[in-house]
C-alpha atoms as a PDB file:
ATOM      1  CA  MET A   1       0.000   0.000   0.000  1.00  0.00           C
ATOM      2  CA  ARG A   2       1.328   3.406  -0.921  1.00  0.00           C
ATOM      3  CA  LYS A   3       1.642   5.645   2.113  1.00  0.00           C
ATOM      4  CA  THR A   4       1.052   9.375   1.903  1.00  0.00           C
ATOM      5  CA  VAL A   5       2.513  12.076   4.132  1.00  0.00           C
ATOM      6  CA  ASP A   6      -0.274  11.924   6.716  1.00  0.00           C
ATOM      7  CA  TYR A   7      -1.103   8.239   6.372  1.00  0.00           C
ATOM      8  CA  LEU A   8      -1.586   7.685  10.101  1.00  0.00           C
ATOM      9  CA  GLY A   9      -3.765  10.810  10.338  1.00  0.00           C
ATOM     10  CA  GLN A  10      -6.090   9.486   7.639  1.00  0.00           C
ATOM     11  CA  VAL A  11      -6.455   6.149   9.424  1.00  0.00           C
ATOM     12  CA  VAL A  12      -7.102   7.978  12.715  1.00  0.00           C
ATOM     13  CA  ASN A  13      -9.834  10.078  11.082  1.00  0.00           C
ATOM     14  CA  TYR A  14     -11.386   6.931   9.593  1.00  0.00           C
ATOM     15  CA  ILE A  15     -11.411   5.228  13.000  1.00  0.00           C
ATOM     16  CA  ARG A  16     -12.788   8.280  14.807  1.00  0.00           C
ATOM     17  CA  LYS A  17     -15.564   8.823  12.249  1.00  0.00           C
ATOM     18  CA  ASN A  18     -16.693   5.196  12.374  1.00  0.00           C
ATOM     19  CA  LEU A  19     -16.496   4.943  16.167  1.00  0.00           C
ATOM     20  CA  LYS A  20     -18.888   7.894  16.348  1.00  0.00           C
ATOM     21  CA  LYS A  21     -21.213   6.030  13.987  1.00  0.00           C
ATOM     22  CA  GLY A  22     -21.299   3.147  16.462  1.00  0.00           C
ATOM     23  CA  TYR A  23     -18.972   0.565  14.949  1.00  0.00           C
ATOM     24  CA  THR A  24     -16.925  -1.536  17.360  1.00  0.00           C
ATOM     25  CA  LYS A  25     -13.148  -1.383  17.556  1.00  0.00           C
ATOM     26  CA  GLU A  26     -12.845  -5.013  16.545  1.00  0.00           C
ATOM     27  CA  SER A  27     -14.974  -4.563  13.417  1.00  0.00           C
ATOM     28  CA  LEU A  28     -12.947  -1.510  12.398  1.00  0.00           C
ATOM     29  CA  ARG A  29      -9.705  -3.374  13.031  1.00  0.00           C
ATOM     30  CA  TRP A  30     -10.775  -6.206  10.703  1.00  0.00           C
ATOM     31  CA  ALA A  31     -12.033  -3.767   8.078  1.00  0.00           C
ATOM     32  CA  LEU A  32      -8.646  -2.007   8.041  1.00  0.00           C
ATOM     33  CA  VAL A  33      -6.769  -5.317   7.850  1.00  0.00           C
ATOM     34  CA  ASN A  34      -8.945  -6.380   4.908  1.00  0.00           C
ATOM     35  CA  GLN A  35      -8.190  -3.062   3.192  1.00  0.00           C
ATOM     36  CA  GLY A  36      -4.465  -3.884   3.331  1.00  0.00           C
ATOM     37  CA  HIS A  37      -3.262  -1.851   6.316  1.00  0.00           C
ATOM     38  CA  SER A  38      -0.625  -3.398   8.567  1.00  0.00           C
ATOM     39  CA  ARG A  39      -1.569  -4.442  12.079  1.00  0.00           C
ATOM     40  CA  ILE A  40       1.216  -2.340  13.588  1.00  0.00           C
ATOM     41  CA  GLU A  41      -0.050   0.804  11.873  1.00  0.00           C
ATOM     42  CA  ILE A  42      -3.617  -0.010  12.916  1.00  0.00           C
ATOM     43  CA  ASP A  43      -2.517  -0.387  16.549  1.00  0.00           C
ATOM     44  CA  LYS A  44      -0.668   2.954  16.385  1.00  0.00           C
ATOM     45  CA  ALA A  45      -3.748   4.617  14.885  1.00  0.00           C
ATOM     46  CA  PHE A  46      -6.044   3.204  17.587  1.00  0.00           C
ATOM     47  CA  LYS A  47      -3.680   4.363  20.323  1.00  0.00           C
ATOM     48  CA  ARG A  48      -3.509   7.857  18.833  1.00  0.00           C
ATOM     49  CA  THR A  49      -7.297   7.965  18.382  1.00  0.00           C
ATOM     50  CA  GLU A  50      -7.869   6.985  22.013  1.00  0.00           C
ATOM     51  CA  GLN A  51      -5.430   9.664  23.205  1.00  0.00           C
ATOM     52  CA  GLU A  52      -7.086  12.369  21.113  1.00  0.00           C
ATOM     53  CA  MET A  53     -10.591  11.368  22.181  1.00  0.00           C
ATOM     54  CA  ALA A  54      -9.510  11.285  25.840  1.00  0.00           C
ATOM     55  CA  ARG A  55      -8.217  14.857  25.560  1.00  0.00           C
ATOM     56  CA  GLU A  56     -11.538  15.997  24.096  1.00  0.00           C
ATOM     57  CA  ALA A  57     -13.698  14.187  26.662  1.00  0.00           C
ATOM     58  CA  PRO A  58     -15.415  16.491  29.175  1.00  0.00           C
ATOM     59  CA  VAL A  59     -14.195  16.389  32.742  1.00  0.00           C
ATOM     60  CA  LEU A  60     -16.869  15.798  35.385  1.00  0.00           C
ATOM     61  CA  LYS A  61     -16.682  18.545  37.982  1.00  0.00           C
ATOM     62  CA  THR A  62     -19.099  17.010  40.433  1.00  0.00           C
ATOM     63  CA  LYS A  63     -19.533  13.498  41.626  1.00  0.00           C
ATOM     64  CA  PRO A  64     -22.792  11.852  40.663  1.00  0.00           C
ATOM     65  CA  ILE A  65     -25.258  11.354  43.491  1.00  0.00           C
ATOM     66  CA  ILE A  66     -26.349   7.764  43.895  1.00  0.00           C
ATOM     67  CA  LYS A  67     -29.715   7.331  45.532  1.00  0.00           C
ATOM     68  CA  TYR A  68     -31.113   4.037  46.614  1.00  0.00           C
ATOM     69  CA  GLU A  69     -34.030   2.789  48.612  1.00  0.00           C
ATOM     70  CA  ILE A  70     -34.952  -0.604  49.900  1.00  0.00           C
ATOM     71  CA  ILE A  71     -38.349  -1.770  48.789  1.00  0.00           C
ATOM     72  CA  GLU A  72     -39.873  -4.452  50.941  1.00  0.00           C
ATOM     73  CA  PRO A  73     -42.463  -6.702  49.333  1.00  0.00           C
ATOM     74  CA  LYS A  74     -45.960  -6.276  50.684  1.00  0.00           C
ATOM     75  CA  ILE A  75     -47.477  -9.483  51.946  1.00  0.00           C
ATOM     76  CA  GLU A  76     -51.196  -9.218  52.376  1.00  0.00           C
ATOM     77  CA  ASN A  77     -53.232 -11.481  54.557  1.00  0.00           C
ATOM     78  CA  ILE A  78     -53.225 -14.593  52.480  1.00  0.00           C
ATOM     79  CA  LYS A  79     -54.963 -17.564  53.974  1.00  0.00           C
ATOM     80  CA  LEU A  80     -53.739 -20.817  52.620  1.00  0.00           C
ATOM     81  CA  LYS A  81     -56.290 -23.513  52.862  1.00  0.00           C
ATOM     82  CA  LYS A  82     -54.819 -26.913  53.556  1.00  0.00           C
ATOM     83  CA  ARG A  83     -56.377 -29.640  51.535  1.00  0.00           C
ATOM     84  CA  HIS A  84     -56.087 -33.228  52.476  1.00  0.00           C
ATOM     85  CA  PHE A  85     -54.822 -35.781  50.036  1.00  0.00           C
ATOM     86  CA  TRP A  86     -58.234 -37.333  49.380  1.00  0.00           C
ATOM     87  CA  ASN A  87     -59.921 -33.988  49.005  1.00  0.00           C
ATOM     88  CA  LYS A  88     -57.604 -33.173  46.144  1.00  0.00           C
ATOM     89  CA  TRP A  89     -58.749 -36.291  44.305  1.00  0.00           C
ATOM     90  CA  ILE A  90     -62.396 -36.220  45.212  1.00  0.00           C
ATOM     91  CA  GLY A  91     -63.006 -32.550  45.067  1.00  0.00           C
END
């Protein structure tokens, strides 16, 4: 494959664009391998993409508040009627 000046940048843009579309890393990796890119270059491009996306990610200034409550099941007055063995057969 003929490499241009910003070969790695083009692969990074391809990865970033398709990650935003919802493709998985593994599917993109196989697509790039099938297009003739080397695995080493693909790994470098993924590493660079992850670094760039991490720099652009917003920083949370506050901690999220986790609320929880325990819900107890309500057991109403249920009367279980015991039936003898013969009553089950006879009625």
